[in-house]
Full PDB file with SEQRES, HELIX, SHEET, SSBOND, CRYST1, ORIGX, SCALE, CONECT and MASTER records, all heavy atoms in Angstrom:
SEQRES   1 A   29  ALA THR ILE ALA GLY SER ARG LEU VAL LYS ARG SER SER          
SEQRES   2 A   29  LEU TYR ARG THR ALA PRO VAL GLY PHE ALA ASP GLN PRO          
SEQRES   3 A   29  ASP PHE ILE                                                  
CRYST1    1.000    1.000    1.000  90.00  90.00  90.00 P 1           1          
ORIGX1      1.000000  0.000000  0.000000        0.00000                         
ORIGX2      0.000000  1.000000  0.000000        0.00000                         
ORIGX3      0.000000  0.000000  1.000000        0.00000                         
SCALE1      1.000000  0.000000  0.000000        0.00000                         
SCALE2      0.000000  1.000000  0.000000        0.00000                         
SCALE3      0.000000  0.000000  1.000000        0.00000                         
ATOM      1  N   ALA A   1     132.457  78.977 146.178  1.00  0.00           N  
ATOM      2  CA  ALA A   1     131.808  77.742 145.745  1.00  0.00           C  
ATOM      3  C   ALA A   1     132.685  76.926 144.801  1.00  0.00           C  
ATOM      4  O   ALA A   1     132.379  75.761 144.537  1.00  0.00           O  
ATOM      5  CB  ALA A   1     130.470  78.060 145.082  1.00  0.00           C  
ATOM      6  N   THR A   2     133.773  77.516 144.295  1.00  0.00           N  
ATOM      7  CA  THR A   2     134.651  76.809 143.355  1.00  0.00           C  
ATOM      8  C   THR A   2     135.900  76.220 144.006  1.00  0.00           C  
ATOM      9  O   THR A   2     136.689  75.569 143.326  1.00  0.00           O  
ATOM     10  CB  THR A   2     135.101  77.742 142.213  1.00  0.00           C  
ATOM     11  OG1 THR A   2     136.000  78.731 142.721  1.00  0.00           O  
ATOM     12  CG2 THR A   2     133.910  78.415 141.541  1.00  0.00           C  
ATOM     13  N   ILE A   3     136.093  76.450 145.302  1.00  0.00           N  
ATOM     14  CA  ILE A   3     137.286  75.919 145.974  1.00  0.00           C  
ATOM     15  C   ILE A   3     137.198  74.392 145.991  1.00  0.00           C  
ATOM     16  O   ILE A   3     136.211  73.822 146.467  1.00  0.00           O  
ATOM     17  CB  ILE A   3     137.424  76.469 147.403  1.00  0.00           C  
ATOM     18  CG1 ILE A   3     137.639  77.991 147.378  1.00  0.00           C  
ATOM     19  CG2 ILE A   3     138.564  75.782 148.146  1.00  0.00           C  
ATOM     20  CD1 ILE A   3     137.632  78.630 148.759  1.00  0.00           C  
ATOM     21  N   ALA A   4     138.224  73.745 145.484  1.00  0.00           N  
ATOM     22  CA  ALA A   4     138.255  72.271 145.425  1.00  0.00           C  
ATOM     23  C   ALA A   4     138.065  71.688 146.818  1.00  0.00           C  
ATOM     24  O   ALA A   4     138.628  72.182 147.792  1.00  0.00           O  
ATOM     25  CB  ALA A   4     139.574  71.803 144.837  1.00  0.00           C  
ATOM     26  N   GLY A   5     137.251  70.647 146.896  1.00  0.00           N  
ATOM     27  CA  GLY A   5     137.023  69.969 148.164  1.00  0.00           C  
ATOM     28  C   GLY A   5     136.143  70.754 149.126  1.00  0.00           C  
ATOM     29  O   GLY A   5     136.109  70.449 150.313  1.00  0.00           O  
ATOM     30  N   SER A   6     135.439  71.734 148.605  1.00  0.00           N  
ATOM     31  CA  SER A   6     134.622  72.609 149.454  1.00  0.00           C  
ATOM     32  C   SER A   6     133.321  72.946 148.751  1.00  0.00           C  
ATOM     33  O   SER A   6     133.228  72.892 147.530  1.00  0.00           O  
ATOM     34  CB  SER A   6     135.370  73.917 149.746  1.00  0.00           C  
ATOM     35  OG  SER A   6     136.635  73.677 150.296  1.00  0.00           O  
ATOM     36  N   ARG A   7     132.331  73.314 149.551  1.00  0.00           N  
ATOM     37  CA  ARG A   7     131.102  73.831 148.961  1.00  0.00           C  
ATOM     38  C   ARG A   7     130.511  74.883 149.888  1.00  0.00           C  
ATOM     39  O   ARG A   7     130.587  74.751 151.121  1.00  0.00           O  
ATOM     40  CB  ARG A   7     130.102  72.729 148.662  1.00  0.00           C  
ATOM     41  CG  ARG A   7     129.518  72.027 149.840  1.00  0.00           C  
ATOM     42  CD  ARG A   7     128.598  70.865 149.398  1.00  0.00           C  
ATOM     43  NE  ARG A   7     128.050  70.201 150.545  1.00  0.00           N  
ATOM     44  CZ  ARG A   7     126.831  70.442 151.046  1.00  0.00           C  
ATOM     45  NH1 ARG A   7     126.035  71.295 150.454  1.00  0.00           N  
ATOM     46  NH2 ARG A   7     126.405  69.797 152.113  1.00  0.00           N  
ATOM     47  N   LEU A   8     129.957  75.911 149.289  1.00  0.00           N  
ATOM     48  CA  LEU A   8     129.295  76.972 150.035  1.00  0.00           C  
ATOM     49  C   LEU A   8     127.940  76.448 150.492  1.00  0.00           C  
ATOM     50  O   LEU A   8     127.148  75.986 149.673  1.00  0.00           O  
ATOM     51  CB  LEU A   8     129.126  78.207 149.136  1.00  0.00           C  
ATOM     52  CG  LEU A   8     128.487  79.433 149.767  1.00  0.00           C  
ATOM     53  CD1 LEU A   8     129.391  80.025 150.849  1.00  0.00           C  
ATOM     54  CD2 LEU A   8     128.208  80.482 148.689  1.00  0.00           C  
ATOM     55  N   VAL A   9     127.682  76.490 151.797  1.00  0.00           N  
ATOM     56  CA  VAL A   9     126.424  75.957 152.306  1.00  0.00           C  
ATOM     57  C   VAL A   9     125.478  77.039 152.826  1.00  0.00           C  
ATOM     58  O   VAL A   9     124.274  76.811 152.912  1.00  0.00           O  
ATOM     59  CB  VAL A   9     126.644  74.872 153.389  1.00  0.00           C  
ATOM     60  CG1 VAL A   9     127.298  73.637 152.775  1.00  0.00           C  
ATOM     61  CG2 VAL A   9     127.462  75.377 154.556  1.00  0.00           C  
ATOM     62  N   LYS A  10     126.001  78.222 153.168  1.00  0.00           N  
ATOM     63  CA  LYS A  10     125.175  79.340 153.633  1.00  0.00           C  
ATOM     64  C   LYS A  10     125.918  80.627 153.381  1.00  0.00           C  
ATOM     65  O   LYS A  10     127.150  80.651 153.375  1.00  0.00           O  
ATOM     66  CB  LYS A  10     124.906  79.243 155.140  1.00  0.00           C  
ATOM     67  CG  LYS A  10     123.652  78.575 155.519  1.00  0.00           C  
ATOM     68  CD  LYS A  10     123.392  78.765 157.005  1.00  0.00           C  
ATOM     69  CE  LYS A  10     122.196  77.928 157.393  1.00  0.00           C  
ATOM     70  NZ  LYS A  10     121.986  77.868 158.811  1.00  0.00           N  
ATOM     71  N   ARG A  11     125.126  81.694 153.211  1.00  0.00           N  
ATOM     72  CA  ARG A  11     125.731  83.009 153.065  1.00  0.00           C  
ATOM     73  C   ARG A  11     124.847  84.048 153.730  1.00  0.00           C  
ATOM     74  O   ARG A  11     123.632  83.918 153.734  1.00  0.00           O  
ATOM     75  CB  ARG A  11     125.959  83.351 151.604  1.00  0.00           C  
ATOM     76  CG  ARG A  11     124.721  83.261 150.755  1.00  0.00           C  
ATOM     77  CD  ARG A  11     124.841  83.977 149.446  1.00  0.00           C  
ATOM     78  NE  ARG A  11     124.769  85.415 149.670  1.00  0.00           N  
ATOM     79  CZ  ARG A  11     124.996  86.318 148.736  1.00  0.00           C  
ATOM     80  NH1 ARG A  11     125.310  85.954 147.524  1.00  0.00           N  
ATOM     81  NH2 ARG A  11     124.907  87.602 149.000  1.00  0.00           N  
ATOM     82  N   SER A  12     125.483  85.056 154.273  1.00  0.00           N  
ATOM     83  CA  SER A  12     124.738  86.121 154.932  1.00  0.00           C  
ATOM     84  C   SER A  12     124.322  87.183 153.926  1.00  0.00           C  
ATOM     85  O   SER A  12     124.732  87.170 152.762  1.00  0.00           O  
ATOM     86  CB  SER A  12     125.606  86.779 156.014  1.00  0.00           C  
ATOM     87  OG  SER A  12     126.591  87.624 155.424  1.00  0.00           O  
ATOM     88  N   SER A  13     123.539  88.114 154.415  1.00  0.00           N  
ATOM     89  CA  SER A  13     123.260  89.338 153.675  1.00  0.00           C  
ATOM     90  C   SER A  13     124.541  90.162 153.610  1.00  0.00           C  
ATOM     91  O   SER A  13     125.534  89.848 154.267  1.00  0.00           O  
ATOM     92  CB  SER A  13     122.188  90.151 154.414  1.00  0.00           C  
ATOM     93  OG  SER A  13     121.021  89.409 154.578  1.00  0.00           O  
ATOM     94  N   LEU A  14     124.487  91.236 152.838  1.00  0.00           N  
ATOM     95  CA  LEU A  14     125.599  92.183 152.786  1.00  0.00           C  
ATOM     96  C   LEU A  14     125.347  93.286 153.802  1.00  0.00           C  
ATOM     97  O   LEU A  14     124.204  93.690 154.023  1.00  0.00           O  
ATOM     98  CB  LEU A  14     125.732  92.787 151.388  1.00  0.00           C  
ATOM     99  CG  LEU A  14     125.901  91.819 150.221  1.00  0.00           C  
ATOM    100  CD1 LEU A  14     126.152  92.593 148.926  1.00  0.00           C  
ATOM    101  CD2 LEU A  14     127.007  90.814 150.472  1.00  0.00           C  
ATOM    102  N   TYR A  15     126.423  93.778 154.392  1.00  0.00           N  
ATOM    103  CA  TYR A  15     126.346  94.819 155.419  1.00  0.00           C  
ATOM    104  C   TYR A  15     127.352  95.919 155.107  1.00  0.00           C  
ATOM    105  O   TYR A  15     128.492  95.634 154.729  1.00  0.00           O  
ATOM    106  CB  TYR A  15     126.662  94.233 156.800  1.00  0.00           C  
ATOM    107  CG  TYR A  15     125.625  93.255 157.284  1.00  0.00           C  
ATOM    108  CD1 TYR A  15     125.672  91.924 156.897  1.00  0.00           C  
ATOM    109  CD2 TYR A  15     124.590  93.670 158.110  1.00  0.00           C  
ATOM    110  CE1 TYR A  15     124.716  91.022 157.327  1.00  0.00           C  
ATOM    111  CE2 TYR A  15     123.625  92.768 158.547  1.00  0.00           C  
ATOM    112  CZ  TYR A  15     123.697  91.446 158.151  1.00  0.00           C  
ATOM    113  OH  TYR A  15     122.742  90.550 158.573  1.00  0.00           O  
ATOM    114  N   ARG A  16     126.936  97.170 155.308  1.00  0.00           N  
ATOM    115  CA  ARG A  16     127.839  98.314 155.159  1.00  0.00           C  
ATOM    116  C   ARG A  16     128.344  98.696 156.551  1.00  0.00           C  
ATOM    117  O   ARG A  16     127.553  98.816 157.492  1.00  0.00           O  
ATOM    118  CB  ARG A  16     127.124  99.511 154.543  1.00  0.00           C  
ATOM    119  CG  ARG A  16     128.037 100.717 154.323  1.00  0.00           C  
ATOM    120  CD  ARG A  16     127.331 101.964 153.819  1.00  0.00           C  
ATOM    121  NE  ARG A  16     126.179 101.723 152.982  1.00  0.00           N  
ATOM    122  CZ  ARG A  16     126.200 101.458 151.665  1.00  0.00           C  
ATOM    123  NH1 ARG A  16     127.366 101.376 151.044  1.00  0.00           N  
ATOM    124  NH2 ARG A  16     125.087 101.283 150.997  1.00  0.00           N  
ATOM    125  N   THR A  17     129.674  98.878 156.656  1.00  0.00           N  
ATOM    126  CA  THR A  17     130.281  99.230 157.939  1.00  0.00           C  
ATOM    127  C   THR A  17     131.400 100.238 157.726  1.00  0.00           C  
ATOM    128  O   THR A  17     132.018 100.283 156.658  1.00  0.00           O  
ATOM    129  CB  THR A  17     130.864  97.987 158.645  1.00  0.00           C  
ATOM    130  OG1 THR A  17     131.894  97.415 157.835  1.00  0.00           O  
ATOM    131  CG2 THR A  17     129.797  96.938 158.902  1.00  0.00           C  
ATOM    132  N   ALA A  18     131.650 101.010 158.752  1.00  0.00           N  
ATOM    133  CA  ALA A  18     132.765 101.955 158.726  1.00  0.00           C  
ATOM    134  C   ALA A  18     134.084 101.183 158.875  1.00  0.00           C  
ATOM    135  O   ALA A  18     134.112 100.114 159.491  1.00  0.00           O  
ATOM    136  CB  ALA A  18     132.619 102.960 159.862  1.00  0.00           C  
ATOM    137  N   PRO A  19     135.160 101.720 158.314  1.00  0.00           N  
ATOM    138  CA  PRO A  19     136.453 101.048 158.457  1.00  0.00           C  
ATOM    139  C   PRO A  19     136.923 101.026 159.913  1.00  0.00           C  
ATOM    140  O   PRO A  19     136.574 101.915 160.697  1.00  0.00           O  
ATOM    141  CB  PRO A  19     137.394 101.870 157.579  1.00  0.00           C  
ATOM    142  CG  PRO A  19     136.716 103.183 157.371  1.00  0.00           C  
ATOM    143  CD  PRO A  19     135.251 102.950 157.539  1.00  0.00           C  
ATOM    144  N   VAL A  20     137.709 100.016 160.264  1.00  0.00           N  
ATOM    145  CA  VAL A  20     138.300  99.880 161.597  1.00  0.00           C  
ATOM    146  C   VAL A  20     139.808 100.001 161.435  1.00  0.00           C  
ATOM    147  O   VAL A  20     140.387  99.467 160.493  1.00  0.00           O  
ATOM    148  CB  VAL A  20     137.938  98.505 162.219  1.00  0.00           C  
ATOM    149  CG1 VAL A  20     138.678  98.281 163.524  1.00  0.00           C  
ATOM    150  CG2 VAL A  20     136.437  98.401 162.428  1.00  0.00           C  
ATOM    151  N   GLY A  21     140.437 100.700 162.355  1.00  0.00           N  
ATOM    152  CA  GLY A  21     141.887 100.888 162.265  1.00  0.00           C  
ATOM    153  C   GLY A  21     142.208 102.139 161.478  1.00  0.00           C  
ATOM    154  O   GLY A  21     142.131 103.244 162.004  1.00  0.00           O  
ATOM    155  N   PHE A  22     142.520 101.988 160.205  1.00  0.00           N  
ATOM    156  CA  PHE A  22     142.794 103.115 159.316  1.00  0.00           C  
ATOM    157  C   PHE A  22     141.454 103.667 158.834  1.00  0.00           C  
ATOM    158  O   PHE A  22     140.773 103.053 158.022  1.00  0.00           O  
ATOM    159  CB  PHE A  22     143.663 102.640 158.143  1.00  0.00           C  
ATOM    160  CG  PHE A  22     143.967 103.711 157.137  1.00  0.00           C  
ATOM    161  CD1 PHE A  22     144.706 104.828 157.485  1.00  0.00           C  
ATOM    162  CD2 PHE A  22     143.508 103.597 155.838  1.00  0.00           C  
ATOM    163  CE1 PHE A  22     144.985 105.813 156.539  1.00  0.00           C  
ATOM    164  CE2 PHE A  22     143.781 104.572 154.889  1.00  0.00           C  
ATOM    165  CZ  PHE A  22     144.523 105.687 155.248  1.00  0.00           C  
ATOM    166  N   ALA A  23     141.068 104.850 159.364  1.00  0.00           N  
ATOM    167  CA  ALA A  23     139.722 105.376 159.126  1.00  0.00           C  
ATOM    168  C   ALA A  23     139.571 106.163 157.830  1.00  0.00           C  
ATOM    169  O   ALA A  23     138.453 106.341 157.346  1.00  0.00           O  
ATOM    170  CB  ALA A  23     139.300 106.252 160.306  1.00  0.00           C  
ATOM    171  N   ASP A  24     140.661 106.642 157.242  1.00  0.00           N  
ATOM    172  CA  ASP A  24     140.584 107.502 156.052  1.00  0.00           C  
ATOM    173  C   ASP A  24     140.469 106.655 154.783  1.00  0.00           C  
ATOM    174  O   ASP A  24     141.403 106.603 153.966  1.00  0.00           O  
ATOM    175  CB  ASP A  24     141.804 108.421 156.004  1.00  0.00           C  
ATOM    176  CG  ASP A  24     141.693 109.470 154.901  1.00  0.00           C  
ATOM    177  OD1 ASP A  24     140.560 109.740 154.438  1.00  0.00           O  
ATOM    178  OD2 ASP A  24     142.743 110.004 154.480  1.00  0.00           O  
ATOM    179  N   GLN A  25     139.341 105.984 154.648  1.00  0.00           N  
ATOM    180  CA  GLN A  25     139.081 105.137 153.495  1.00  0.00           C  
ATOM    181  C   GLN A  25     137.572 104.926 153.391  1.00  0.00           C  
ATOM    182  O   GLN A  25     136.845 105.208 154.334  1.00  0.00           O  
ATOM    183  CB  GLN A  25     139.827 103.801 153.604  1.00  0.00           C  
ATOM    184  CG  GLN A  25     139.437 102.953 154.803  1.00  0.00           C  
ATOM    185  CD  GLN A  25     140.218 101.652 154.862  1.00  0.00           C  
ATOM    186  OE1 GLN A  25     140.384 100.970 153.871  1.00  0.00           O  
ATOM    187  NE2 GLN A  25     140.704 101.314 156.056  1.00  0.00           N  
ATOM    188  N   PRO A  26     137.104 104.421 152.242  1.00  0.00           N  
ATOM    189  CA  PRO A  26     135.657 104.216 152.076  1.00  0.00           C  
ATOM    190  C   PRO A  26     135.111 103.157 153.040  1.00  0.00           C  
ATOM    191  O   PRO A  26     135.850 102.309 153.549  1.00  0.00           O  
ATOM    192  CB  PRO A  26     135.534 103.714 150.631  1.00  0.00           C  
ATOM    193  CG  PRO A  26     136.823 104.040 149.969  1.00  0.00           C  
ATOM    194  CD  PRO A  26     137.868 104.088 151.041  1.00  0.00           C  
ATOM    195  N   ASP A  27     133.789 103.221 153.259  1.00  0.00           N  
ATOM    196  CA  ASP A  27     133.114 102.191 154.042  1.00  0.00           C  
ATOM    197  C   ASP A  27     133.300 100.823 153.381  1.00  0.00           C  
ATOM    198  O   ASP A  27     133.548 100.727 152.177  1.00  0.00           O  
ATOM    199  CB  ASP A  27     131.614 102.475 154.144  1.00  0.00           C  
ATOM    200  CG  ASP A  27     131.298 103.595 155.128  1.00  0.00           C  
ATOM    201  OD1 ASP A  27     132.203 104.034 155.867  1.00  0.00           O  
ATOM    202  OD2 ASP A  27     130.132 104.025 155.146  1.00  0.00           O  
ATOM    203  N   PHE A  28     133.146  99.788 154.186  1.00  0.00           N  
ATOM    204  CA  PHE A  28     133.267  98.410 153.714  1.00  0.00           C  
ATOM    205  C   PHE A  28     131.898  97.794 153.481  1.00  0.00           C  
ATOM    206  O   PHE A  28     130.914  98.155 154.119  1.00  0.00           O  
ATOM    207  CB  PHE A  28     134.005  97.545 154.746  1.00  0.00           C  
ATOM    208  CG  PHE A  28     135.486  97.643 154.667  1.00  0.00           C  
ATOM    209  CD1 PHE A  28     136.158  98.692 155.277  1.00  0.00           C  
ATOM    210  CD2 PHE A  28     136.222  96.705 153.960  1.00  0.00           C  
ATOM    211  CE1 PHE A  28     137.524  98.797 155.194  1.00  0.00           C  
ATOM    212  CE2 PHE A  28     137.594  96.805 153.870  1.00  0.00           C  
ATOM    213  CZ  PHE A  28     138.257  97.853 154.495  1.00  0.00           C  
ATOM    214  N   ILE A  29     131.864  96.832 152.597  1.00  0.00           N  
ATOM    215  CA  ILE A  29     130.757  95.896 152.484  1.00  0.00           C  
ATOM    216  C   ILE A  29     131.303  94.582 153.052  1.00  0.00           C  
ATOM    217  O   ILE A  29     132.373  94.127 152.651  1.00  0.00           O  
ATOM    218  CB  ILE A  29     130.275  95.703 151.028  1.00  0.00           C  
ATOM    219  CG1 ILE A  29     129.831  97.031 150.425  1.00  0.00           C  
ATOM    220  CG2 ILE A  29     129.163  94.661 150.976  1.00  0.00           C  
ATOM    221  CD1 ILE A  29     128.671  97.717 151.128  1.00  0.00           C  
TER     222      ILE A  29                                                      
MASTER        0    0    0    0    0    0    0    6  221    1    0    3          
END                                                                             
């Protein structure tokens, strides 16, 4: 929302997902 010349107009919920590619790491939000 602070990027000059831009404004945030919508946002999604947060989602937990397993990593893609390199699997030996924590899940992502």
